[in-house]
Amino acid sequence: MTAVITLTSENFEEQVLKSKQAVLVDFYADWCVPCKMMAPVVEAVAERYAGQLITGKMNLDENLDLAERYGVQSIPTLIVFKDGKETGRTVGVQTKSELEKFIKERL
């Protein structure tokens, strides 16, 4: 079972904004090669931080309203939300250690 949840416009408020835990949201698209490169990194980080962090993937093409709402202009964009507010974002391909450092600073 994957540690990554699928986020949509319909469940975003409940799963992310109302979450008691920090949430990492991966804005991606199926056609995006850098996003495909990030997928195993996001999966690994999700497993590593299970219990401390919720990790979700948001398909940009299917949820343009949220991408626009959060000013996502390039993908992959990863945003950490805590208590319903954005606490940080990173854009582009990251190594596992870079992404872990980014997350640790925001938990």
PDB file of N, CA and C in Angstrom:
ATOM      1  N   MET A   1       0.845  -1.201   0.000  1.00  0.00           N
ATOM      2  CA  MET A   1       0.000   0.000   0.000  1.00  0.00           C
ATOM      3  C   MET A   1       0.883   1.254   0.000  1.00  0.00           C
ATOM      4  N   THR A   2       0.513   2.170  -0.820  1.00  0.00           N
ATOM      5  CA  THR A   2       1.298   3.403  -0.929  1.00  0.00           C
ATOM      6  C   THR A   2       1.014   4.346   0.237  1.00  0.00           C
ATOM      7  N   ALA A   3       2.028   5.103   0.580  1.00  0.00           N
ATOM      8  CA  ALA A   3       1.877   6.078   1.659  1.00  0.00           C
ATOM      9  C   ALA A   3       1.409   7.431   1.123  1.00  0.00           C
ATOM     10  N   VAL A   4       1.182   7.505  -0.192  1.00  0.00           N
ATOM     11  CA  VAL A   4       0.809   8.764  -0.839  1.00  0.00           C
ATOM     12  C   VAL A   4      -0.680   8.738  -1.183  1.00  0.00           C
ATOM     13  N   ILE A   5      -1.384   9.798  -0.770  1.00  0.00           N
ATOM     14  CA  ILE A   5      -2.808   9.887  -1.076  1.00  0.00           C
ATOM     15  C   ILE A   5      -3.021  10.723  -2.337  1.00  0.00           C
ATOM     16  N   THR A   6      -4.142  10.500  -3.002  1.00  0.00           N
ATOM     17  CA  THR A   6      -4.502  11.275  -4.179  1.00  0.00           C
ATOM     18  C   THR A   6      -5.357  12.453  -3.730  1.00  0.00           C
ATOM     19  N   LEU A   7      -4.919  13.645  -4.095  1.00  0.00           N
ATOM     20  CA  LEU A   7      -5.659  14.856  -3.737  1.00  0.00           C
ATOM     21  C   LEU A   7      -6.412  15.390  -4.941  1.00  0.00           C
ATOM     22  N   THR A   8      -7.597  15.944  -4.683  1.00  0.00           N
ATOM     23  CA  THR A   8      -8.419  16.554  -5.730  1.00  0.00           C
ATOM     24  C   THR A   8      -9.006  17.852  -5.179  1.00  0.00           C
ATOM     25  N   SER A   9      -9.625  18.604  -6.052  1.00  0.00           N
ATOM     26  CA  SER A   9     -10.313  19.823  -5.613  1.00  0.00           C
ATOM     27  C   SER A   9     -11.376  19.494  -4.567  1.00  0.00           C
ATOM     28  N   GLU A  10     -11.977  18.303  -4.691  1.00  0.00           N
ATOM     29  CA  GLU A  10     -13.061  17.913  -3.798  1.00  0.00           C
ATOM     30  C   GLU A  10     -12.560  17.575  -2.387  1.00  0.00           C
ATOM     31  N   ASN A  11     -11.394  16.957  -2.268  1.00  0.00           N
ATOM     32  CA  ASN A  11     -10.953  16.531  -0.933  1.00  0.00           C
ATOM     33  C   ASN A  11      -9.823  17.388  -0.356  1.00  0.00           C
ATOM     34  N   PHE A  12      -9.386  18.409  -1.077  1.00  0.00           N
ATOM     35  CA  PHE A  12      -8.232  19.207  -0.662  1.00  0.00           C
ATOM     36  C   PHE A  12      -8.442  19.879   0.691  1.00  0.00           C
ATOM     37  N   GLU A  13      -9.587  20.499   0.875  1.00  0.00           N
ATOM     38  CA  GLU A  13      -9.829  21.210   2.140  1.00  0.00           C
ATOM     39  C   GLU A  13      -9.783  20.246   3.326  1.00  0.00           C
ATOM     40  N   GLU A  14     -10.464  19.129   3.192  1.00  0.00           N
ATOM     41  CA  GLU A  14     -10.519  18.150   4.284  1.00  0.00           C
ATOM     42  C   GLU A  14      -9.156  17.503   4.538  1.00  0.00           C
ATOM     43  N   GLN A  15      -8.489  17.082   3.466  1.00  0.00           N
ATOM     44  CA  GLN A  15      -7.237  16.328   3.596  1.00  0.00           C
ATOM     45  C   GLN A  15      -6.023  17.207   3.906  1.00  0.00           C
ATOM     46  N   VAL A  16      -6.040  18.453   3.433  1.00  0.00           N
ATOM     47  CA  VAL A  16      -4.862  19.316   3.574  1.00  0.00           C
ATOM     48  C   VAL A  16      -5.107  20.456   4.549  1.00  0.00           C
ATOM     49  N   LEU A  17      -6.082  21.294   4.251  1.00  0.00           N
ATOM     50  CA  LEU A  17      -6.277  22.505   5.046  1.00  0.00           C
ATOM     51  C   LEU A  17      -6.773  22.222   6.465  1.00  0.00           C
ATOM     52  N   LYS A  18      -7.532  21.138   6.654  1.00  0.00           N
ATOM     53  CA  LYS A  18      -8.048  20.800   7.981  1.00  0.00           C
ATOM     54  C   LYS A  18      -7.226  19.719   8.681  1.00  0.00           C
ATOM     55  N   SER A  19      -6.137  19.305   8.078  1.00  0.00           N
ATOM     56  CA  SER A  19      -5.320  18.231   8.635  1.00  0.00           C
ATOM     57  C   SER A  19      -4.643  18.663   9.938  1.00  0.00           C
ATOM     58  N   LYS A  20      -4.595  17.739  10.885  1.00  0.00           N
ATOM     59  CA  LYS A  20      -3.891  17.989  12.154  1.00  0.00           C
ATOM     60  C   LYS A  20      -2.375  17.827  11.973  1.00  0.00           C
ATOM     61  N   GLN A  21      -1.986  17.103  10.921  1.00  0.00           N
ATOM     62  CA  GLN A  21      -0.569  16.887  10.621  1.00  0.00           C
ATOM     63  C   GLN A  21      -0.137  17.796   9.477  1.00  0.00           C
ATOM     64  N   ALA A  22       1.174  17.983   9.352  1.00  0.00           N
ATOM     65  CA  ALA A  22       1.699  18.688   8.184  1.00  0.00           C
ATOM     66  C   ALA A  22       1.422  17.826   6.951  1.00  0.00           C
ATOM     67  N   VAL A  23       1.237  18.491   5.817  1.00  0.00           N
ATOM     68  CA  VAL A  23       0.931  17.792   4.569  1.00  0.00           C
ATOM     69  C   VAL A  23       1.882  18.281   3.480  1.00  0.00           C
ATOM     70  N   LEU A  24       2.505  17.339   2.787  1.00  0.00           N
ATOM     71  CA  LEU A  24       3.319  17.651   1.614  1.00  0.00           C
ATOM     72  C   LEU A  24       2.461  17.394   0.389  1.00  0.00           C
ATOM     73  N   VAL A  25       2.262  18.430  -0.432  1.00  0.00           N
ATOM     74  CA  VAL A  25       1.462  18.291  -1.644  1.00  0.00           C
ATOM     75  C   VAL A  25       2.391  18.381  -2.853  1.00  0.00           C
ATOM     76  N   ASP A  26       2.354  17.346  -3.673  1.00  0.00           N
ATOM     77  CA  ASP A  26       3.146  17.274  -4.900  1.00  0.00           C
ATOM     78  C   ASP A  26       2.229  17.625  -6.070  1.00  0.00           C
ATOM     79  N   PHE A  27       2.391  18.844  -6.608  1.00  0.00           N
ATOM     80  CA  PHE A  27       1.656  19.240  -7.817  1.00  0.00           C
ATOM     81  C   PHE A  27       2.424  18.695  -9.012  1.00  0.00           C
ATOM     82  N   TYR A  28       1.753  17.862  -9.820  1.00  0.00           N
ATOM     83  CA  TYR A  28       2.420  17.180 -10.929  1.00  0.00           C
ATOM     84  C   TYR A  28       1.464  17.043 -12.111  1.00  0.00           C
ATOM     85  N   ALA A  29       1.992  16.510 -13.215  1.00  0.00           N
ATOM     86  CA  ALA A  29       1.161  16.131 -14.357  1.00  0.00           C
ATOM     87  C   ALA A  29       1.713  14.822 -14.916  1.00  0.00           C
ATOM     88  N   ASP A  30       0.837  14.002 -15.472  1.00  0.00           N
ATOM     89  CA  ASP A  30       1.254  12.702 -15.998  1.00  0.00           C
ATOM     90  C   ASP A  30       2.265  12.822 -17.137  1.00  0.00           C
ATOM     91  N   TRP A  31       2.187  13.900 -17.907  1.00  0.00           N
ATOM     92  CA  TRP A  31       3.075  14.087 -19.063  1.00  0.00           C
ATOM     93  C   TRP A  31       4.423  14.704 -18.699  1.00  0.00           C
ATOM     94  N   CYS A  32       4.602  15.097 -17.461  1.00  0.00           N
ATOM     95  CA  CYS A  32       5.785  15.849 -17.017  1.00  0.00           C
ATOM     96  C   CYS A  32       6.932  14.895 -16.655  1.00  0.00           C
ATOM     97  N   VAL A  33       8.007  14.924 -17.436  1.00  0.00           N
ATOM     98  CA  VAL A  33       9.150  14.038 -17.194  1.00  0.00           C
ATOM     99  C   VAL A  33       9.818  14.309 -15.840  1.00  0.00           C
ATOM    100  N   PRO A  34      10.091  15.581 -15.470  1.00  0.00           N
ATOM    101  CA  PRO A  34      10.663  15.811 -14.136  1.00  0.00           C
ATOM    102  C   PRO A  34       9.751  15.310 -13.011  1.00  0.00           C
ATOM    103  N   CYS A  35       8.440  15.389 -13.218  1.00  0.00           N
ATOM    104  CA  CYS A  35       7.495  14.884 -12.212  1.00  0.00           C
ATOM    105  C   CYS A  35       7.651  13.370 -12.052  1.00  0.00           C
ATOM    106  N   LYS A  36       7.834  12.676 -13.187  1.00  0.00           N
ATOM    107  CA  LYS A  36       8.037  11.227 -13.135  1.00  0.00           C
ATOM    108  C   LYS A  36       9.341  10.898 -12.414  1.00  0.00           C
ATOM    109  N   MET A  37      10.351  11.749 -12.590  1.00  0.00           N
ATOM    110  CA  MET A  37      11.625  11.547 -11.896  1.00  0.00           C
ATOM    111  C   MET A  37      11.447  11.726 -10.383  1.00  0.00           C
ATOM    112  N   MET A  38      10.560  12.627  -9.994  1.00  0.00           N
ATOM    113  CA  MET A  38      10.328  12.909  -8.568  1.00  0.00           C
ATOM    114  C   MET A  38       9.448  11.863  -7.890  1.00  0.00           C
ATOM    115  N   ALA A  39       8.639  11.142  -8.648  1.00  0.00           N
ATOM    116  CA  ALA A  39       7.669  10.213  -8.057  1.00  0.00           C
ATOM    117  C   ALA A  39       8.295   9.228  -7.071  1.00  0.00           C
ATOM    118  N   PRO A  40       9.399   8.533  -7.418  1.00  0.00           N
ATOM    119  CA  PRO A  40       9.968   7.607  -6.433  1.00  0.00           C
ATOM    120  C   PRO A  40      10.568   8.316  -5.218  1.00  0.00           C
ATOM    121  N   VAL A  41      11.044   9.531  -5.394  1.00  0.00           N
ATOM    122  CA  VAL A  41      11.589  10.314  -4.280  1.00  0.00           C
ATOM    123  C   VAL A  41      10.455  10.679  -3.322  1.00  0.00           C
ATOM    124  N   VAL A  42       9.337  11.144  -3.878  1.00  0.00           N
ATOM    125  CA  VAL A  42       8.171  11.510  -3.057  1.00  0.00           C
ATOM    126  C   VAL A  42       7.651  10.271  -2.314  1.00  0.00           C
ATOM    127  N   GLU A  43       7.591   9.119  -3.008  1.00  0.00           N
ATOM    128  CA  GLU A  43       7.148   7.869  -2.372  1.00  0.00           C
ATOM    129  C   GLU A  43       8.055   7.506  -1.197  1.00  0.00           C
ATOM    130  N   ALA A  44       9.365   7.586  -1.400  1.00  0.00           N
ATOM    131  CA  ALA A  44      10.330   7.228  -0.358  1.00  0.00           C
ATOM    132  C   ALA A  44      10.204   8.142   0.850  1.00  0.00           C
ATOM    133  N   VAL A  45      10.044   9.438   0.598  1.00  0.00           N
ATOM    134  CA  VAL A  45       9.904  10.408   1.682  1.00  0.00           C
ATOM    135  C   VAL A  45       8.576  10.185   2.418  1.00  0.00           C
ATOM    136  N   ALA A  46       7.533   9.853   1.669  1.00  0.00           N
ATOM    137  CA  ALA A  46       6.226   9.583   2.284  1.00  0.00           C
ATOM    138  C   ALA A  46       6.329   8.405   3.255  1.00  0.00           C
ATOM    139  N   GLU A  47       7.036   7.350   2.847  1.00  0.00           N
ATOM    140  CA  GLU A  47       7.196   6.188   3.722  1.00  0.00           C
ATOM    141  C   GLU A  47       8.064   6.543   4.929  1.00  0.00           C
ATOM    142  N   ARG A  48       9.119   7.299   4.701  1.00  0.00           N
ATOM    143  CA  ARG A  48      10.057   7.684   5.760  1.00  0.00           C
ATOM    144  C   ARG A  48       9.364   8.525   6.839  1.00  0.00           C
ATOM    145  N   TYR A  49       8.447   9.416   6.415  1.00  0.00           N
ATOM    146  CA  TYR A  49       7.803  10.338   7.353  1.00  0.00           C
ATOM    147  C   TYR A  49       6.360   9.960   7.676  1.00  0.00           C
ATOM    148  N   ALA A  50       5.965   8.749   7.349  1.00  0.00           N
ATOM    149  CA  ALA A  50       4.609   8.291   7.672  1.00  0.00           C
ATOM    150  C   ALA A  50       4.392   8.439   9.178  1.00  0.00           C
ATOM    151  N   GLY A  51       3.270   9.013   9.553  1.00  0.00           N
ATOM    152  CA  GLY A  51       2.984   9.259  10.961  1.00  0.00           C
ATOM    153  C   GLY A  51       3.322  10.676  11.395  1.00  0.00           C
ATOM    154  N   GLN A  52       4.271  11.306  10.703  1.00  0.00           N
ATOM    155  CA  GLN A  52       4.641  12.695  10.997  1.00  0.00           C
ATOM    156  C   GLN A  52       4.115  13.646   9.929  1.00  0.00           C
ATOM    157  N   LEU A  53       3.940  13.100   8.727  1.00  0.00           N
ATOM    158  CA  LEU A  53       3.626  13.923   7.564  1.00  0.00           C
ATOM    159  C   LEU A  53       2.693  13.149   6.657  1.00  0.00           C
ATOM    160  N   ILE A  54       1.671  13.821   6.164  1.00  0.00           N
ATOM    161  CA  ILE A  54       0.803  13.234   5.142  1.00  0.00           C
ATOM    162  C   ILE A  54       1.349  13.685   3.800  1.00  0.00           C
ATOM    163  N   THR A  55       1.437  12.774   2.862  1.00  0.00           N
ATOM    164  CA  THR A  55       1.945  13.112   1.532  1.00  0.00           C
ATOM    165  C   THR A  55       0.847  12.860   0.511  1.00  0.00           C
ATOM    166  N   GLY A  56       0.602  13.861  -0.334  1.00  0.00           N
ATOM    167  CA  GLY A  56      -0.430  13.730  -1.349  1.00  0.00           C
ATOM    168  C   GLY A  56       0.034  14.230  -2.698  1.00  0.00           C
ATOM    169  N   LYS A  57      -0.529  13.628  -3.742  1.00  0.00           N
ATOM    170  CA  LYS A  57      -0.226  14.052  -5.107  1.00  0.00           C
ATOM    171  C   LYS A  57      -1.460  14.727  -5.700  1.00  0.00           C
ATOM    172  N   MET A  58      -1.234  15.864  -6.337  1.00  0.00           N
ATOM    173  CA  MET A  58      -2.314  16.654  -6.936  1.00  0.00           C
ATOM    174  C   MET A  58      -2.036  16.776  -8.433  1.00  0.00           C
ATOM    175  N   ASN A  59      -2.881  16.138  -9.248  1.00  0.00           N
ATOM    176  CA  ASN A  59      -2.723  16.211 -10.698  1.00  0.00           C
ATOM    177  C   ASN A  59      -3.156  17.602 -11.173  1.00  0.00           C
ATOM    178  N   LEU A  60      -2.195  18.333 -11.679  1.00  0.00           N
ATOM    179  CA  LEU A  60      -2.408  19.711 -12.113  1.00  0.00           C
ATOM    180  C   LEU A  60      -3.501  19.812 -13.183  1.00  0.00           C
ATOM    181  N   ASP A  61      -3.443  18.913 -14.159  1.00  0.00           N
ATOM    182  CA  ASP A  61      -4.392  18.972 -15.279  1.00  0.00           C
ATOM    183  C   ASP A  61      -5.834  18.757 -14.828  1.00  0.00           C
ATOM    184  N   GLU A  62      -6.017  18.006 -13.765  1.00  0.00           N
ATOM    185  CA  GLU A  62      -7.369  17.701 -13.283  1.00  0.00           C
ATOM    186  C   GLU A  62      -7.843  18.665 -12.206  1.00  0.00           C
ATOM    187  N   ASN A  63      -6.938  19.514 -11.712  1.00  0.00           N
ATOM    188  CA  ASN A  63      -7.260  20.412 -10.598  1.00  0.00           C
ATOM    189  C   ASN A  63      -6.652  21.793 -10.829  1.00  0.00           C
ATOM    190  N   LEU A  64      -6.908  22.364 -11.992  1.00  0.00           N
ATOM    191  CA  LEU A  64      -6.318  23.658 -12.350  1.00  0.00           C
ATOM    192  C   LEU A  64      -6.688  24.764 -11.377  1.00  0.00           C
ATOM    193  N   ASP A  65      -7.886  24.671 -10.798  1.00  0.00           N
ATOM    194  CA  ASP A  65      -8.323  25.707  -9.862  1.00  0.00           C
ATOM    195  C   ASP A  65      -7.372  25.816  -8.676  1.00  0.00           C
ATOM    196  N   LEU A  66      -6.952  24.684  -8.134  1.00  0.00           N
ATOM    197  CA  LEU A  66      -6.036  24.714  -6.987  1.00  0.00           C
ATOM    198  C   LEU A  66      -4.629  25.127  -7.394  1.00  0.00           C
ATOM    199  N   ALA A  67      -4.213  24.717  -8.569  1.00  0.00           N
ATOM    200  CA  ALA A  67      -2.896  25.136  -9.060  1.00  0.00           C
ATOM    201  C   ALA A  67      -2.858  26.657  -9.186  1.00  0.00           C
ATOM    202  N   GLU A  68      -3.918  27.228  -9.714  1.00  0.00           N
ATOM    203  CA  GLU A  68      -3.992  28.685  -9.851  1.00  0.00           C
ATOM    204  C   GLU A  68      -4.083  29.348  -8.476  1.00  0.00           C
ATOM    205  N   ARG A  69      -4.894  28.775  -7.598  1.00  0.00           N
ATOM    206  CA  ARG A  69      -5.073  29.340  -6.257  1.00  0.00           C
ATOM    207  C   ARG A  69      -3.750  29.445  -5.501  1.00  0.00           C
ATOM    208  N   TYR A  70      -2.869  28.455  -5.701  1.00  0.00           N
ATOM    209  CA  TYR A  70      -1.590  28.452  -5.003  1.00  0.00           C
ATOM    210  C   TYR A  70      -0.424  28.912  -5.873  1.00  0.00           C
ATOM    211  N   GLY A  71      -0.722  29.485  -7.027  1.00  0.00           N
ATOM    212  CA  GLY A  71       0.310  30.094  -7.858  1.00  0.00           C
ATOM    213  C   GLY A  71       1.332  29.117  -8.393  1.00  0.00           C
ATOM    214  N   VAL A  72       0.907  27.895  -8.655  1.00  0.00           N
ATOM    215  CA  VAL A  72       1.822  26.894  -9.208  1.00  0.00           C
ATOM    216  C   VAL A  72       2.017  27.186 -10.690  1.00  0.00           C
ATOM    217  N   GLN A  73       3.248  27.531 -11.057  1.00  0.00           N
ATOM    218  CA  GLN A  73       3.537  27.881 -12.449  1.00  0.00           C
ATOM    219  C   GLN A  73       4.469  26.896 -13.124  1.00  0.00           C
ATOM    220  N   SER A  74       5.231  26.164 -12.340  1.00  0.00           N
ATOM    221  CA  SER A  74       6.132  25.138 -12.870  1.00  0.00           C
ATOM    222  C   SER A  74       5.901  23.863 -12.081  1.00  0.00           C
ATOM    223  N   ILE A  75       6.126  22.731 -12.740  1.00  0.00           N
ATOM    224  CA  ILE A  75       5.983  21.456 -12.034  1.00  0.00           C
ATOM    225  C   ILE A  75       7.231  20.626 -12.255  1.00  0.00           C
ATOM    226  N   PRO A  76       7.577  19.787 -11.306  1.00  0.00           N
ATOM    227  CA  PRO A  76       6.864  19.565 -10.056  1.00  0.00           C
ATOM    228  C   PRO A  76       7.059  20.708  -9.056  1.00  0.00           C
ATOM    229  N   THR A  77       5.969  21.044  -8.371  1.00  0.00           N
ATOM    230  CA  THR A  77       6.022  21.974  -7.239  1.00  0.00           C
ATOM    231  C   THR A  77       5.557  21.205  -6.017  1.00  0.00           C
ATOM    232  N   LEU A  78       6.359  21.252  -4.965  1.00  0.00           N
ATOM    233  CA  LEU A  78       6.001  20.585  -3.714  1.00  0.00           C
ATOM    234  C   LEU A  78       5.806  21.650  -2.652  1.00  0.00           C
ATOM    235  N   ILE A  79       4.632  21.626  -2.019  1.00  0.00           N
ATOM    236  CA  ILE A  79       4.285  22.617  -1.005  1.00  0.00           C
ATOM    237  C   ILE A  79       3.965  21.899   0.302  1.00  0.00           C
ATOM    238  N   VAL A  80       4.529  22.405   1.403  1.00  0.00           N
ATOM    239  CA  VAL A  80       4.193  21.889   2.729  1.00  0.00           C
ATOM    240  C   VAL A  80       3.151  22.817   3.340  1.00  0.00           C
ATOM    241  N   PHE A  81       2.074  22.215   3.825  1.00  0.00           N
ATOM    242  CA  PHE A  81       1.022  22.938   4.534  1.00  0.00           C
ATOM    243  C   PHE A  81       1.023  22.480   5.977  1.00  0.00           C
ATOM    244  N   LYS A  82       0.870  23.423   6.891  1.00  0.00           N
ATOM    245  CA  LYS A  82       0.746  23.103   8.309  1.00  0.00           C
ATOM    246  C   LYS A  82      -0.325  24.019   8.884  1.00  0.00           C
ATOM    247  N   ASP A  83      -1.259  23.444   9.606  1.00  0.00           N
ATOM    248  CA  ASP A  83      -2.384  24.205  10.169  1.00  0.00           C
ATOM    249  C   ASP A  83      -3.109  25.000   9.087  1.00  0.00           C
ATOM    250  N   GLY A  84      -3.239  24.400   7.898  1.00  0.00           N
ATOM    251  CA  GLY A  84      -3.985  25.023   6.809  1.00  0.00           C
ATOM    252  C   GLY A  84      -3.253  26.110   6.055  1.00  0.00           C
ATOM    253  N   LYS A  85      -1.986  26.341   6.389  1.00  0.00           N
ATOM    254  CA  LYS A  85      -1.233  27.411   5.726  1.00  0.00           C
ATOM    255  C   LYS A  85       0.036  26.861   5.092  1.00  0.00           C
ATOM    256  N   GLU A  86       0.410  27.473   3.976  1.00  0.00           N
ATOM    257  CA  GLU A  86       1.642  27.084   3.312  1.00  0.00           C
ATOM    258  C   GLU A  86       2.831  27.503   4.175  1.00  0.00           C
ATOM    259  N   THR A  87       3.747  26.551   4.423  1.00  0.00           N
ATOM    260  CA  THR A  87       4.935  26.866   5.217  1.00  0.00           C
ATOM    261  C   THR A  87       6.205  26.810   4.377  1.00  0.00           C
ATOM    262  N   GLY A  88       6.090  26.358   3.137  1.00  0.00           N
ATOM    263  CA  GLY A  88       7.253  26.333   2.263  1.00  0.00           C
ATOM    264  C   GLY A  88       6.945  25.636   0.958  1.00  0.00           C
ATOM    265  N   ARG A  89       7.739  25.964  -0.059  1.00  0.00           N
ATOM    266  CA  ARG A  89       7.584  25.288  -1.342  1.00  0.00           C
ATOM    267  C   ARG A  89       8.927  25.143  -2.011  1.00  0.00           C
ATOM    268  N   THR A  90       9.019  24.119  -2.831  1.00  0.00           N
ATOM    269  CA  THR A  90      10.203  23.869  -3.633  1.00  0.00           C
ATOM    270  C   THR A  90       9.740  23.478  -5.032  1.00  0.00           C
ATOM    271  N   VAL A  91      10.474  23.912  -6.023  1.00  0.00           N
ATOM    272  CA  VAL A  91      10.096  23.683  -7.417  1.00  0.00           C
ATOM    273  C   VAL A  91      11.222  22.957  -8.126  1.00  0.00           C
ATOM    274  N   GLY A  92      10.854  21.957  -8.909  1.00  0.00           N
ATOM    275  CA  GLY A  92      11.849  21.230  -9.695  1.00  0.00           C
ATOM    276  C   GLY A  92      12.256  19.929  -9.032  1.00  0.00           C
ATOM    277  N   VAL A  93      13.144  19.226  -9.717  1.00  0.00           N
ATOM    278  CA  VAL A  93      13.598  17.925  -9.242  1.00  0.00           C
ATOM    279  C   VAL A  93      14.518  18.096  -8.032  1.00  0.00           C
ATOM    280  N   GLN A  94      14.272  17.294  -7.009  1.00  0.00           N
ATOM    281  CA  GLN A  94      15.069  17.299  -5.782  1.00  0.00           C
ATOM    282  C   GLN A  94      15.621  15.893  -5.549  1.00  0.00           C
ATOM    283  N   THR A  95      16.755  15.817  -4.917  1.00  0.00           N
ATOM    284  CA  THR A  95      17.222  14.511  -4.457  1.00  0.00           C
ATOM    285  C   THR A  95      16.441  14.161  -3.196  1.00  0.00           C
ATOM    286  N   LYS A  96      16.532  12.911  -2.797  1.00  0.00           N
ATOM    287  CA  LYS A  96      15.847  12.483  -1.570  1.00  0.00           C
ATOM    288  C   LYS A  96      16.363  13.277  -0.371  1.00  0.00           C
ATOM    289  N   SER A  97      17.677  13.458  -0.287  1.00  0.00           N
ATOM    290  CA  SER A  97      18.233  14.185   0.861  1.00  0.00           C
ATOM    291  C   SER A  97      17.826  15.657   0.837  1.00  0.00           C
ATOM    292  N   GLU A  98      17.746  16.259  -0.341  1.00  0.00           N
ATOM    293  CA  GLU A  98      17.294  17.659  -0.431  1.00  0.00           C
ATOM    294  C   GLU A  98      15.844  17.790   0.018  1.00  0.00           C
ATOM    295  N   LEU A  99      15.009  16.861  -0.433  1.00  0.00           N
ATOM    296  CA  LEU A  99      13.594  16.916  -0.070  1.00  0.00           C
ATOM    297  C   LEU A  99      13.419  16.646   1.426  1.00  0.00           C
ATOM    298  N   GLU A 100      14.178  15.705   1.977  1.00  0.00           N
ATOM    299  CA  GLU A 100      14.087  15.427   3.413  1.00  0.00           C
ATOM    300  C   GLU A 100      14.504  16.647   4.226  1.00  0.00           C
ATOM    301  N   LYS A 101      15.564  17.322   3.818  1.00  0.00           N
ATOM    302  CA  LYS A 101      16.019  18.542   4.516  1.00  0.00           C
ATOM    303  C   LYS A 101      14.917  19.604   4.466  1.00  0.00           C
ATOM    304  N   PHE A 102      14.329  19.805   3.293  1.00  0.00           N
ATOM    305  CA  PHE A 102      13.241  20.763   3.106  1.00  0.00           C
ATOM    306  C   PHE A 102      12.084  20.448   4.061  1.00  0.00           C
ATOM    307  N   ILE A 103      11.715  19.179   4.161  1.00  0.00           N
ATOM    308  CA  ILE A 103      10.595  18.779   5.014  1.00  0.00           C
ATOM    309  C   ILE A 103      10.937  18.948   6.490  1.00  0.00           C
ATOM    310  N   LYS A 104      12.113  18.475   6.899  1.00  0.00           N
ATOM    311  CA  LYS A 104      12.528  18.562   8.311  1.00  0.00           C
ATOM    312  C   LYS A 104      12.463  19.997   8.828  1.00  0.00           C
ATOM    313  N   GLU A 105      12.812  20.953   7.973  1.00  0.00           N
ATOM    314  CA  GLU A 105      12.797  22.358   8.379  1.00  0.00           C
ATOM    315  C   GLU A 105      11.379  22.892   8.567  1.00  0.00           C
ATOM    316  N   ARG A 106      10.381  22.137   8.113  1.00  0.00           N
ATOM    317  CA  ARG A 106       9.005  22.631   8.157  1.00  0.00           C
ATOM    318  C   ARG A 106       8.071  21.800   9.041  1.00  0.00           C
ATOM    319  N   LEU A 107       8.587  20.742   9.616  1.00  0.00           N
ATOM    320  CA  LEU A 107       7.733  19.900  10.481  1.00  0.00           C
ATOM    321  C   LEU A 107       7.589  20.511  11.870  1.00  0.00           C
TER     322      LEU A 107
END
